[in-house]
Amino acid sequence: MNAPAVCAIWEAPLESVQLFLQQLINGIQIGAVYALIAVGYTMVYGVLRFINFAHGDVYMVGAYLGLFAVTGLLAHQVPAVQMV
């Protein structure tokens, strides 16, 4: 076996591991976002005993403000967008 054939054999499993790790990170990130929203709802309901239906709107405004802050401060760094 020559070197290109060996590289081709290991290329597919390596890509699948990278894909798995990326999807694992994506799942953890979206789970953390859901957890933050749930904690916000729980805190508001625990204090007021009233469900605030504008909670999602406030979350969206905060997400956009965070996006603009990160991209404005780190305009030329593409990974900065993933921080939001």
C-alpha atoms as a PDB file:
ATOM      1  CA  MET A   1       0.000   0.000   0.000  1.00  0.00           C
ATOM      2  CA  ASN A   2       1.235   3.423  -0.823  1.00  0.00           C
ATOM      3  CA  ALA A   3       0.782   6.571   1.256  1.00  0.00           C
ATOM      4  CA  PRO A   4      -2.233   8.038  -0.644  1.00  0.00           C
ATOM      5  CA  ALA A   5      -4.138   4.764  -0.243  1.00  0.00           C
ATOM      6  CA  VAL A   6      -3.478   4.745   3.504  1.00  0.00           C
ATOM      7  CA  CYS A   7      -4.625   8.359   3.765  1.00  0.00           C
ATOM      8  CA  ALA A   8      -7.815   7.527   1.867  1.00  0.00           C
ATOM      9  CA  ILE A   9      -8.541   4.650   4.246  1.00  0.00           C
ATOM     10  CA  TRP A  10      -8.247   6.872   7.320  1.00  0.00           C
ATOM     11  CA  GLU A  11      -9.964   9.904   5.810  1.00  0.00           C
ATOM     12  CA  ALA A  12     -13.570   8.692   6.158  1.00  0.00           C
ATOM     13  CA  PRO A  13     -13.393   7.644   9.846  1.00  0.00           C
ATOM     14  CA  LEU A  14     -11.609  10.879  10.722  1.00  0.00           C
ATOM     15  CA  GLU A  15     -14.330  12.948   9.060  1.00  0.00           C
ATOM     16  CA  SER A  16     -17.052  11.009  10.858  1.00  0.00           C
ATOM     17  CA  VAL A  17     -15.351  11.588  14.221  1.00  0.00           C
ATOM     18  CA  GLN A  18     -15.035  15.297  13.476  1.00  0.00           C
ATOM     19  CA  LEU A  19     -18.691  15.433  12.449  1.00  0.00           C
ATOM     20  CA  PHE A  20     -19.721  13.616  15.616  1.00  0.00           C
ATOM     21  CA  LEU A  21     -17.718  15.974  17.829  1.00  0.00           C
ATOM     22  CA  GLN A  22     -19.114  19.035  16.058  1.00  0.00           C
ATOM     23  CA  GLN A  23     -22.676  17.778  16.466  1.00  0.00           C
ATOM     24  CA  LEU A  24     -21.979  16.981  20.112  1.00  0.00           C
ATOM     25  CA  ILE A  25     -20.783  20.548  20.682  1.00  0.00           C
ATOM     26  CA  ASN A  26     -23.814  21.916  18.825  1.00  0.00           C
ATOM     27  CA  GLY A  27     -26.125  19.822  20.991  1.00  0.00           C
ATOM     28  CA  ILE A  28     -24.475  21.011  24.186  1.00  0.00           C
ATOM     29  CA  GLN A  29     -24.749  24.628  23.046  1.00  0.00           C
ATOM     30  CA  ILE A  30     -28.438  24.436  22.163  1.00  0.00           C
ATOM     31  CA  GLY A  31     -29.095  22.534  25.390  1.00  0.00           C
ATOM     32  CA  ALA A  32     -27.427  25.338  27.345  1.00  0.00           C
ATOM     33  CA  VAL A  33     -29.589  27.898  25.555  1.00  0.00           C
ATOM     34  CA  TYR A  34     -32.741  25.927  26.396  1.00  0.00           C
ATOM     35  CA  ALA A  35     -31.582  25.636  30.003  1.00  0.00           C
ATOM     36  CA  LEU A  36     -31.043  29.393  30.270  1.00  0.00           C
ATOM     37  CA  ILE A  37     -34.511  30.081  28.888  1.00  0.00           C
ATOM     38  CA  ALA A  38     -36.042  27.542  31.284  1.00  0.00           C
ATOM     39  CA  VAL A  39     -34.213  29.060  34.254  1.00  0.00           C
ATOM     40  CA  GLY A  40     -35.478  32.494  33.227  1.00  0.00           C
ATOM     41  CA  TYR A  41     -39.065  31.269  33.055  1.00  0.00           C
ATOM     42  CA  THR A  42     -38.687  29.505  36.396  1.00  0.00           C
ATOM     43  CA  MET A  43     -37.267  32.577  38.107  1.00  0.00           C
ATOM     44  CA  VAL A  44     -39.977  34.878  36.763  1.00  0.00           C
ATOM     45  CA  TYR A  45     -42.748  32.436  37.657  1.00  0.00           C
ATOM     46  CA  GLY A  46     -41.233  31.788  41.090  1.00  0.00           C
ATOM     47  CA  VAL A  47     -41.195  35.476  41.985  1.00  0.00           C
ATOM     48  CA  LEU A  48     -44.323  36.781  40.260  1.00  0.00           C
ATOM     49  CA  ARG A  49     -46.435  33.611  40.081  1.00  0.00           C
ATOM     50  CA  PHE A  50     -47.233  34.775  36.571  1.00  0.00           C
ATOM     51  CA  ILE A  51     -45.952  33.506  33.223  1.00  0.00           C
ATOM     52  CA  ASN A  52     -44.281  36.291  31.260  1.00  0.00           C
ATOM     53  CA  PHE A  53     -45.041  35.605  27.605  1.00  0.00           C
ATOM     54  CA  ALA A  54     -42.644  38.371  26.524  1.00  0.00           C
ATOM     55  CA  HIS A  55     -39.711  36.331  27.846  1.00  0.00           C
ATOM     56  CA  GLY A  56     -38.899  35.027  24.362  1.00  0.00           C
ATOM     57  CA  ASP A  57     -38.893  38.544  22.940  1.00  0.00           C
ATOM     58  CA  VAL A  58     -36.484  39.736  25.610  1.00  0.00           C
ATOM     59  CA  TYR A  59     -34.267  36.716  24.905  1.00  0.00           C
ATOM     60  CA  MET A  60     -34.262  37.523  21.171  1.00  0.00           C
ATOM     61  CA  VAL A  61     -33.298  41.164  21.784  1.00  0.00           C
ATOM     62  CA  GLY A  62     -30.485  40.016  24.077  1.00  0.00           C
ATOM     63  CA  ALA A  63     -29.245  37.564  21.445  1.00  0.00           C
ATOM     64  CA  TYR A  64     -29.147  40.269  18.786  1.00  0.00           C
ATOM     65  CA  LEU A  65     -27.386  42.707  21.121  1.00  0.00           C
ATOM     66  CA  GLY A  66     -24.809  40.025  21.908  1.00  0.00           C
ATOM     67  CA  LEU A  67     -24.345  39.284  18.208  1.00  0.00           C
ATOM     68  CA  PHE A  68     -23.822  42.956  17.370  1.00  0.00           C
ATOM     69  CA  ALA A  69     -21.435  43.413  20.300  1.00  0.00           C
ATOM     70  CA  VAL A  70     -19.291  40.413  19.387  1.00  0.00           C
ATOM     71  CA  THR A  71     -19.196  41.122  15.659  1.00  0.00           C
ATOM     72  CA  GLY A  72     -18.591  44.831  16.267  1.00  0.00           C
ATOM     73  CA  LEU A  73     -15.724  44.268  18.667  1.00  0.00           C
ATOM     74  CA  LEU A  74     -14.216  41.355  16.756  1.00  0.00           C
ATOM     75  CA  ALA A  75     -15.288  42.262  13.230  1.00  0.00           C
ATOM     76  CA  HIS A  76     -12.654  40.337  11.298  1.00  0.00           C
ATOM     77  CA  GLN A  77     -12.655  37.152  13.326  1.00  0.00           C
ATOM     78  CA  VAL A  78     -15.194  34.691  11.962  1.00  0.00           C
ATOM     79  CA  PRO A  79     -15.199  32.376  15.027  1.00  0.00           C
ATOM     80  CA  ALA A  80     -16.444  35.318  17.102  1.00  0.00           C
ATOM     81  CA  VAL A  81     -19.894  34.860  15.564  1.00  0.00           C
ATOM     82  CA  GLN A  82     -20.057  31.360  17.034  1.00  0.00           C
ATOM     83  CA  MET A  83     -19.666  32.776  20.532  1.00  0.00           C
ATOM     84  CA  VAL A  84     -23.181  34.201  20.413  1.00  0.00           C
END
